[in-house]
Amino acid sequence: MSESHEQVAEKLGLFARVGLFYRQVVNELTKVVWPTRNQLTTYTAVVMVFVTFVIAVVSLLDLVLTKIVFWVFG
């Protein structure tokens, strides 16, 4: 039977484990589907619009609650 990854990793030295980790990371990064420039621009614009909307809502809520607190407590 083949040994598990943990058993193999325990037999390797520190530098061999670091090298194995680096190779696995590079291997996984080759599987990533990277966005195109157009997609990246679109995603960035959507995030900026959403963040701006959330800032506006939170600011408005803060303004209203501040007015209420000052009205109640004088």
PDB file of N, CA and C in Angstrom:
ATOM      1  N   MET A   1       0.834  -1.183   0.000  1.00  0.00           N
ATOM      2  CA  MET A   1       0.000   0.000   0.000  1.00  0.00           C
ATOM      3  C   MET A   1       0.876   1.243   0.000  1.00  0.00           C
ATOM      4  N   SER A   2       0.356   2.313  -0.552  1.00  0.00           N
ATOM      5  CA  SER A   2       1.127   3.555  -0.592  1.00  0.00           C
ATOM      6  C   SER A   2       0.970   4.300   0.730  1.00  0.00           C
ATOM      7  N   GLU A   3       1.992   5.072   1.035  1.00  0.00           N
ATOM      8  CA  GLU A   3       1.976   5.833   2.280  1.00  0.00           C
ATOM      9  C   GLU A   3       1.155   7.109   2.098  1.00  0.00           C
ATOM     10  N   SER A   4       0.582   7.599   3.209  1.00  0.00           N
ATOM     11  CA  SER A   4      -0.189   8.834   3.127  1.00  0.00           C
ATOM     12  C   SER A   4       0.750  10.027   3.020  1.00  0.00           C
ATOM     13  N   HIS A   5       0.194  11.177   2.656  1.00  0.00           N
ATOM     14  CA  HIS A   5       1.001  12.388   2.499  1.00  0.00           C
ATOM     15  C   HIS A   5       1.648  12.797   3.825  1.00  0.00           C
ATOM     16  N   GLU A   6       0.926  12.585   4.936  1.00  0.00           N
ATOM     17  CA  GLU A   6       1.480  12.972   6.235  1.00  0.00           C
ATOM     18  C   GLU A   6       2.708  12.132   6.576  1.00  0.00           C
ATOM     19  N   GLN A   7       2.645  10.841   6.272  1.00  0.00           N
ATOM     20  CA  GLN A   7       3.773   9.975   6.575  1.00  0.00           C
ATOM     21  C   GLN A   7       4.975  10.334   5.716  1.00  0.00           C
ATOM     22  N   VAL A   8       4.744  10.670   4.465  1.00  0.00           N
ATOM     23  CA  VAL A   8       5.833  11.061   3.580  1.00  0.00           C
ATOM     24  C   VAL A   8       6.414  12.383   4.048  1.00  0.00           C
ATOM     25  N   ALA A   9       5.557  13.331   4.440  1.00  0.00           N
ATOM     26  CA  ALA A   9       6.022  14.645   4.881  1.00  0.00           C
ATOM     27  C   ALA A   9       6.831  14.528   6.166  1.00  0.00           C
ATOM     28  N   GLU A  10       6.459  13.579   7.044  1.00  0.00           N
ATOM     29  CA  GLU A  10       7.199  13.412   8.290  1.00  0.00           C
ATOM     30  C   GLU A  10       8.615  12.903   8.018  1.00  0.00           C
ATOM     31  N   LYS A  11       8.817  12.149   6.955  1.00  0.00           N
ATOM     32  CA  LYS A  11      10.129  11.596   6.648  1.00  0.00           C
ATOM     33  C   LYS A  11      11.037  12.620   5.973  1.00  0.00           C
ATOM     34  N   LEU A  12      10.445  13.671   5.383  1.00  0.00           N
ATOM     35  CA  LEU A  12      11.233  14.678   4.693  1.00  0.00           C
ATOM     36  C   LEU A  12      11.789  15.691   5.684  1.00  0.00           C
ATOM     37  N   GLY A  13      12.899  16.296   5.315  1.00  0.00           N
ATOM     38  CA  GLY A  13      13.478  17.337   6.146  1.00  0.00           C
ATOM     39  C   GLY A  13      12.748  18.650   5.954  1.00  0.00           C
ATOM     40  N   LEU A  14      13.181  19.662   6.697  1.00  0.00           N
ATOM     41  CA  LEU A  14      12.530  20.968   6.658  1.00  0.00           C
ATOM     42  C   LEU A  14      12.576  21.575   5.265  1.00  0.00           C
ATOM     43  N   PHE A  15      13.751  21.610   4.644  1.00  0.00           N
ATOM     44  CA  PHE A  15      13.888  22.230   3.331  1.00  0.00           C
ATOM     45  C   PHE A  15      13.141  21.436   2.255  1.00  0.00           C
ATOM     46  N   ALA A  16      13.093  20.135   2.395  1.00  0.00           N
ATOM     47  CA  ALA A  16      12.350  19.313   1.435  1.00  0.00           C
ATOM     48  C   ALA A  16      10.862  19.586   1.554  1.00  0.00           C
ATOM     49  N   ARG A  17      10.358  19.779   2.783  1.00  0.00           N
ATOM     50  CA  ARG A  17       8.944  20.100   2.976  1.00  0.00           C
ATOM     51  C   ARG A  17       8.614  21.483   2.423  1.00  0.00           C
ATOM     52  N   VAL A  18       9.515  22.443   2.620  1.00  0.00           N
ATOM     53  CA  VAL A  18       9.303  23.786   2.080  1.00  0.00           C
ATOM     54  C   VAL A  18       9.295  23.726   0.553  1.00  0.00           C
ATOM     55  N   GLY A  19      10.224  22.972  -0.029  1.00  0.00           N
ATOM     56  CA  GLY A  19      10.266  22.817  -1.485  1.00  0.00           C
ATOM     57  C   GLY A  19       9.016  22.149  -2.020  1.00  0.00           C
ATOM     58  N   LEU A  20       8.548  21.116  -1.316  1.00  0.00           N
ATOM     59  CA  LEU A  20       7.326  20.424  -1.715  1.00  0.00           C
ATOM     60  C   LEU A  20       6.130  21.377  -1.669  1.00  0.00           C
ATOM     61  N   PHE A  21       6.052  22.171  -0.609  1.00  0.00           N
ATOM     62  CA  PHE A  21       4.970  23.143  -0.484  1.00  0.00           C
ATOM     63  C   PHE A  21       5.015  24.141  -1.634  1.00  0.00           C
ATOM     64  N   TYR A  22       6.193  24.651  -1.954  1.00  0.00           N
ATOM     65  CA  TYR A  22       6.349  25.620  -3.046  1.00  0.00           C
ATOM     66  C   TYR A  22       5.911  25.010  -4.381  1.00  0.00           C
ATOM     67  N   ARG A  23       6.333  23.771  -4.643  1.00  0.00           N
ATOM     68  CA  ARG A  23       5.939  23.109  -5.888  1.00  0.00           C
ATOM     69  C   ARG A  23       4.424  22.916  -5.956  1.00  0.00           C
ATOM     70  N   GLN A  24       3.807  22.566  -4.826  1.00  0.00           N
ATOM     71  CA  GLN A  24       2.356  22.376  -4.804  1.00  0.00           C
ATOM     72  C   GLN A  24       1.623  23.697  -5.034  1.00  0.00           C
ATOM     73  N   VAL A  25       2.142  24.782  -4.462  1.00  0.00           N
ATOM     74  CA  VAL A  25       1.524  26.090  -4.657  1.00  0.00           C
ATOM     75  C   VAL A  25       1.603  26.493  -6.127  1.00  0.00           C
ATOM     76  N   VAL A  26       2.769  26.343  -6.740  1.00  0.00           N
ATOM     77  CA  VAL A  26       2.940  26.692  -8.145  1.00  0.00           C
ATOM     78  C   VAL A  26       2.025  25.821  -9.010  1.00  0.00           C
ATOM     79  N   ASN A  27       1.916  24.557  -8.690  1.00  0.00           N
ATOM     80  CA  ASN A  27       1.046  23.653  -9.438  1.00  0.00           C
ATOM     81  C   ASN A  27      -0.416  24.083  -9.341  1.00  0.00           C
ATOM     82  N   GLU A  28      -0.862  24.486  -8.163  1.00  0.00           N
ATOM     83  CA  GLU A  28      -2.241  24.936  -8.001  1.00  0.00           C
ATOM     84  C   GLU A  28      -2.487  26.252  -8.728  1.00  0.00           C
ATOM     85  N   LEU A  29      -1.494  27.139  -8.740  1.00  0.00           N
ATOM     86  CA  LEU A  29      -1.662  28.426  -9.417  1.00  0.00           C
ATOM     87  C   LEU A  29      -1.771  28.258 -10.928  1.00  0.00           C
ATOM     88  N   THR A  30      -1.226  27.185 -11.480  1.00  0.00           N
ATOM     89  CA  THR A  30      -1.378  26.955 -12.915  1.00  0.00           C
ATOM     90  C   THR A  30      -2.805  26.554 -13.264  1.00  0.00           C
ATOM     91  N   LYS A  31      -3.585  26.092 -12.281  1.00  0.00           N
ATOM     92  CA  LYS A  31      -4.972  25.680 -12.515  1.00  0.00           C
ATOM     93  C   LYS A  31      -5.951  26.853 -12.418  1.00  0.00           C
ATOM     94  N   VAL A  32      -5.488  27.995 -11.928  1.00  0.00           N
ATOM     95  CA  VAL A  32      -6.367  29.144 -11.722  1.00  0.00           C
ATOM     96  C   VAL A  32      -6.759  29.739 -13.071  1.00  0.00           C
ATOM     97  N   VAL A  33      -8.031  30.076 -13.208  1.00  0.00           N
ATOM     98  CA  VAL A  33      -8.509  30.762 -14.406  1.00  0.00           C
ATOM     99  C   VAL A  33      -8.469  32.253 -14.090  1.00  0.00           C
ATOM    100  N   TRP A  34      -7.484  32.946 -14.652  1.00  0.00           N
ATOM    101  CA  TRP A  34      -7.294  34.354 -14.355  1.00  0.00           C
ATOM    102  C   TRP A  34      -8.259  35.194 -15.185  1.00  0.00           C
ATOM    103  N   PRO A  35      -8.809  36.279 -14.594  1.00  0.00           N
ATOM    104  CA  PRO A  35      -9.740  37.119 -15.367  1.00  0.00           C
ATOM    105  C   PRO A  35      -9.004  37.918 -16.441  1.00  0.00           C
ATOM    106  N   THR A  36      -9.747  38.232 -17.499  1.00  0.00           N
ATOM    107  CA  THR A  36      -9.172  39.070 -18.547  1.00  0.00           C
ATOM    108  C   THR A  36      -9.151  40.515 -18.053  1.00  0.00           C
ATOM    109  N   ARG A  37      -8.504  41.381 -18.815  1.00  0.00           N
ATOM    110  CA  ARG A  37      -8.422  42.792 -18.439  1.00  0.00           C
ATOM    111  C   ARG A  37      -9.818  43.414 -18.395  1.00  0.00           C
ATOM    112  N   ASN A  38     -10.659  43.042 -19.348  1.00  0.00           N
ATOM    113  CA  ASN A  38     -12.024  43.569 -19.392  1.00  0.00           C
ATOM    114  C   ASN A  38     -12.832  43.098 -18.178  1.00  0.00           C
ATOM    115  N   GLN A  39     -12.718  41.830 -17.833  1.00  0.00           N
ATOM    116  CA  GLN A  39     -13.422  41.309 -16.666  1.00  0.00           C
ATOM    117  C   GLN A  39     -12.940  41.985 -15.388  1.00  0.00           C
ATOM    118  N   LEU A  40     -11.635  42.164 -15.295  1.00  0.00           N
ATOM    119  CA  LEU A  40     -11.066  42.783 -14.103  1.00  0.00           C
ATOM    120  C   LEU A  40     -11.548  44.222 -13.958  1.00  0.00           C
ATOM    121  N   THR A  41     -11.626  44.950 -15.066  1.00  0.00           N
ATOM    122  CA  THR A  41     -12.135  46.318 -15.041  1.00  0.00           C
ATOM    123  C   THR A  41     -13.598  46.334 -14.611  1.00  0.00           C
ATOM    124  N   THR A  42     -14.385  45.411 -15.146  1.00  0.00           N
ATOM    125  CA  THR A  42     -15.801  45.333 -14.783  1.00  0.00           C
ATOM    126  C   THR A  42     -15.963  45.000 -13.311  1.00  0.00           C
ATOM    127  N   TYR A  43     -15.237  44.010 -12.819  1.00  0.00           N
ATOM    128  CA  TYR A  43     -15.336  43.613 -11.414  1.00  0.00           C
ATOM    129  C   TYR A  43     -14.931  44.765 -10.493  1.00  0.00           C
ATOM    130  N   THR A  44     -13.882  45.481 -10.873  1.00  0.00           N
ATOM    131  CA  THR A  44     -13.418  46.603 -10.064  1.00  0.00           C
ATOM    132  C   THR A  44     -14.475  47.703 -10.017  1.00  0.00           C
ATOM    133  N   ALA A  45     -15.090  47.992 -11.154  1.00  0.00           N
ATOM    134  CA  ALA A  45     -16.134  49.016 -11.190  1.00  0.00           C
ATOM    135  C   ALA A  45     -17.331  48.612 -10.331  1.00  0.00           C
ATOM    136  N   VAL A  46     -17.728  47.356 -10.401  1.00  0.00           N
ATOM    137  CA  VAL A  46     -18.855  46.879  -9.593  1.00  0.00           C
ATOM    138  C   VAL A  46     -18.536  47.021  -8.109  1.00  0.00           C
ATOM    139  N   VAL A  47     -17.342  46.664  -7.709  1.00  0.00           N
ATOM    140  CA  VAL A  47     -16.955  46.772  -6.302  1.00  0.00           C
ATOM    141  C   VAL A  47     -16.954  48.235  -5.862  1.00  0.00           C
ATOM    142  N   MET A  48     -16.422  49.122  -6.694  1.00  0.00           N
ATOM    143  CA  MET A  48     -16.372  50.542  -6.341  1.00  0.00           C
ATOM    144  C   MET A  48     -17.786  51.121  -6.193  1.00  0.00           C
ATOM    145  N   VAL A  49     -18.698  50.764  -7.097  1.00  0.00           N
ATOM    146  CA  VAL A  49     -20.080  51.248  -7.006  1.00  0.00           C
ATOM    147  C   VAL A  49     -20.743  50.707  -5.748  1.00  0.00           C
ATOM    148  N   PHE A  50     -20.555  49.443  -5.455  1.00  0.00           N
ATOM    149  CA  PHE A  50     -21.158  48.841  -4.271  1.00  0.00           C
ATOM    150  C   PHE A  50     -20.625  49.483  -2.998  1.00  0.00           C
ATOM    151  N   VAL A  51     -19.324  49.689  -2.922  1.00  0.00           N
ATOM    152  CA  VAL A  51     -18.724  50.306  -1.731  1.00  0.00           C
ATOM    153  C   VAL A  51     -19.240  51.735  -1.563  1.00  0.00           C
ATOM    154  N   THR A  52     -19.334  52.469  -2.656  1.00  0.00           N
ATOM    155  CA  THR A  52     -19.871  53.829  -2.591  1.00  0.00           C
ATOM    156  C   THR A  52     -21.311  53.828  -2.092  1.00  0.00           C
ATOM    157  N   PHE A  53     -22.117  52.883  -2.569  1.00  0.00           N
ATOM    158  CA  PHE A  53     -23.508  52.760  -2.123  1.00  0.00           C
ATOM    159  C   PHE A  53     -23.569  52.462  -0.626  1.00  0.00           C
ATOM    160  N   VAL A  54     -22.754  51.535  -0.159  1.00  0.00           N
ATOM    161  CA  VAL A  54     -22.758  51.177   1.260  1.00  0.00           C
ATOM    162  C   VAL A  54     -22.308  52.365   2.109  1.00  0.00           C
ATOM    163  N   ILE A  55     -21.300  53.107   1.645  1.00  0.00           N
ATOM    164  CA  ILE A  55     -20.851  54.301   2.374  1.00  0.00           C
ATOM    165  C   ILE A  55     -21.987  55.311   2.476  1.00  0.00           C
ATOM    166  N   ALA A  56     -22.731  55.509   1.384  1.00  0.00           N
ATOM    167  CA  ALA A  56     -23.845  56.456   1.398  1.00  0.00           C
ATOM    168  C   ALA A  56     -24.933  56.021   2.381  1.00  0.00           C
ATOM    169  N   VAL A  57     -25.273  54.745   2.381  1.00  0.00           N
ATOM    170  CA  VAL A  57     -26.314  54.244   3.285  1.00  0.00           C
ATOM    171  C   VAL A  57     -25.875  54.392   4.739  1.00  0.00           C
ATOM    172  N   VAL A  58     -24.648  54.004   5.052  1.00  0.00           N
ATOM    173  CA  VAL A  58     -24.159  54.096   6.427  1.00  0.00           C
ATOM    174  C   VAL A  58     -24.068  55.561   6.861  1.00  0.00           C
ATOM    175  N   SER A  59     -23.631  56.445   5.985  1.00  0.00           N
ATOM    176  CA  SER A  59     -23.536  57.869   6.319  1.00  0.00           C
ATOM    177  C   SER A  59     -24.917  58.453   6.589  1.00  0.00           C
ATOM    178  N   LEU A  60     -25.886  58.110   5.749  1.00  0.00           N
ATOM    179  CA  LEU A  60     -27.242  58.596   5.951  1.00  0.00           C
ATOM    180  C   LEU A  60     -27.822  58.077   7.264  1.00  0.00           C
ATOM    181  N   LEU A  61     -27.613  56.798   7.542  1.00  0.00           N
ATOM    182  CA  LEU A  61     -28.086  56.212   8.797  1.00  0.00           C
ATOM    183  C   LEU A  61     -27.420  56.887   9.991  1.00  0.00           C
ATOM    184  N   ASP A  62     -26.134  57.168   9.897  1.00  0.00           N
ATOM    185  CA  ASP A  62     -25.416  57.848  10.964  1.00  0.00           C
ATOM    186  C   ASP A  62     -25.966  59.256  11.181  1.00  0.00           C
ATOM    187  N   LEU A  63     -26.229  59.970  10.100  1.00  0.00           N
ATOM    188  CA  LEU A  63     -26.771  61.321  10.196  1.00  0.00           C
ATOM    189  C   LEU A  63     -28.144  61.314  10.869  1.00  0.00           C
ATOM    190  N   VAL A  64     -29.009  60.391  10.451  1.00  0.00           N
ATOM    191  CA  VAL A  64     -30.350  60.305  11.029  1.00  0.00           C
ATOM    192  C   VAL A  64     -30.278  59.948  12.503  1.00  0.00           C
ATOM    193  N   LEU A  65     -29.478  58.951  12.852  1.00  0.00           N
ATOM    194  CA  LEU A  65     -29.372  58.548  14.260  1.00  0.00           C
ATOM    195  C   LEU A  65     -28.760  59.651  15.110  1.00  0.00           C
ATOM    196  N   THR A  66     -27.810  60.401  14.566  1.00  0.00           N
ATOM    197  CA  THR A  66     -27.215  61.515  15.298  1.00  0.00           C
ATOM    198  C   THR A  66     -28.267  62.585  15.586  1.00  0.00           C
ATOM    199  N   LYS A  67     -29.072  62.920  14.575  1.00  0.00           N
ATOM    200  CA  LYS A  67     -30.144  63.912  14.761  1.00  0.00           C
ATOM    201  C   LYS A  67     -31.130  63.443  15.830  1.00  0.00           C
ATOM    202  N   ILE A  68     -31.493  62.167  15.799  1.00  0.00           N
ATOM    203  CA  ILE A  68     -32.433  61.629  16.788  1.00  0.00           C
ATOM    204  C   ILE A  68     -31.841  61.698  18.185  1.00  0.00           C
ATOM    205  N   VAL A  69     -30.586  61.303  18.336  1.00  0.00           N
ATOM    206  CA  VAL A  69     -29.943  61.325  19.661  1.00  0.00           C
ATOM    207  C   VAL A  69     -29.854  62.755  20.189  1.00  0.00           C
ATOM    208  N   PHE A  70     -29.480  63.719  19.350  1.00  0.00           N
ATOM    209  CA  PHE A  70     -29.403  65.100  19.803  1.00  0.00           C
ATOM    210  C   PHE A  70     -30.785  65.667  20.127  1.00  0.00           C
ATOM    211  N   TRP A  71     -31.826  65.230  19.403  1.00  0.00           N
ATOM    212  CA  TRP A  71     -33.182  65.678  19.687  1.00  0.00           C
ATOM    213  C   TRP A  71     -33.672  65.126  21.024  1.00  0.00           C
ATOM    214  N   VAL A  72     -33.348  63.818  21.289  1.00  0.00           N
ATOM    215  CA  VAL A  72     -33.815  63.175  22.518  1.00  0.00           C
ATOM    216  C   VAL A  72     -33.050  63.699  23.735  1.00  0.00           C
ATOM    217  N   PHE A  73     -31.727  63.772  23.626  1.00  0.00           N
ATOM    218  CA  PHE A  73     -30.918  64.133  24.789  1.00  0.00           C
ATOM    219  C   PHE A  73     -30.520  65.612  24.814  1.00  0.00           C
ATOM    220  N   GLY A  74     -30.919  66.349  23.833  1.00  0.00           N
ATOM    221  CA  GLY A  74     -30.784  67.785  23.852  1.00  0.00           C
ATOM    222  C   GLY A  74     -29.476  68.340  23.520  1.00  0.00           C
TER     223      GLY A  74
END
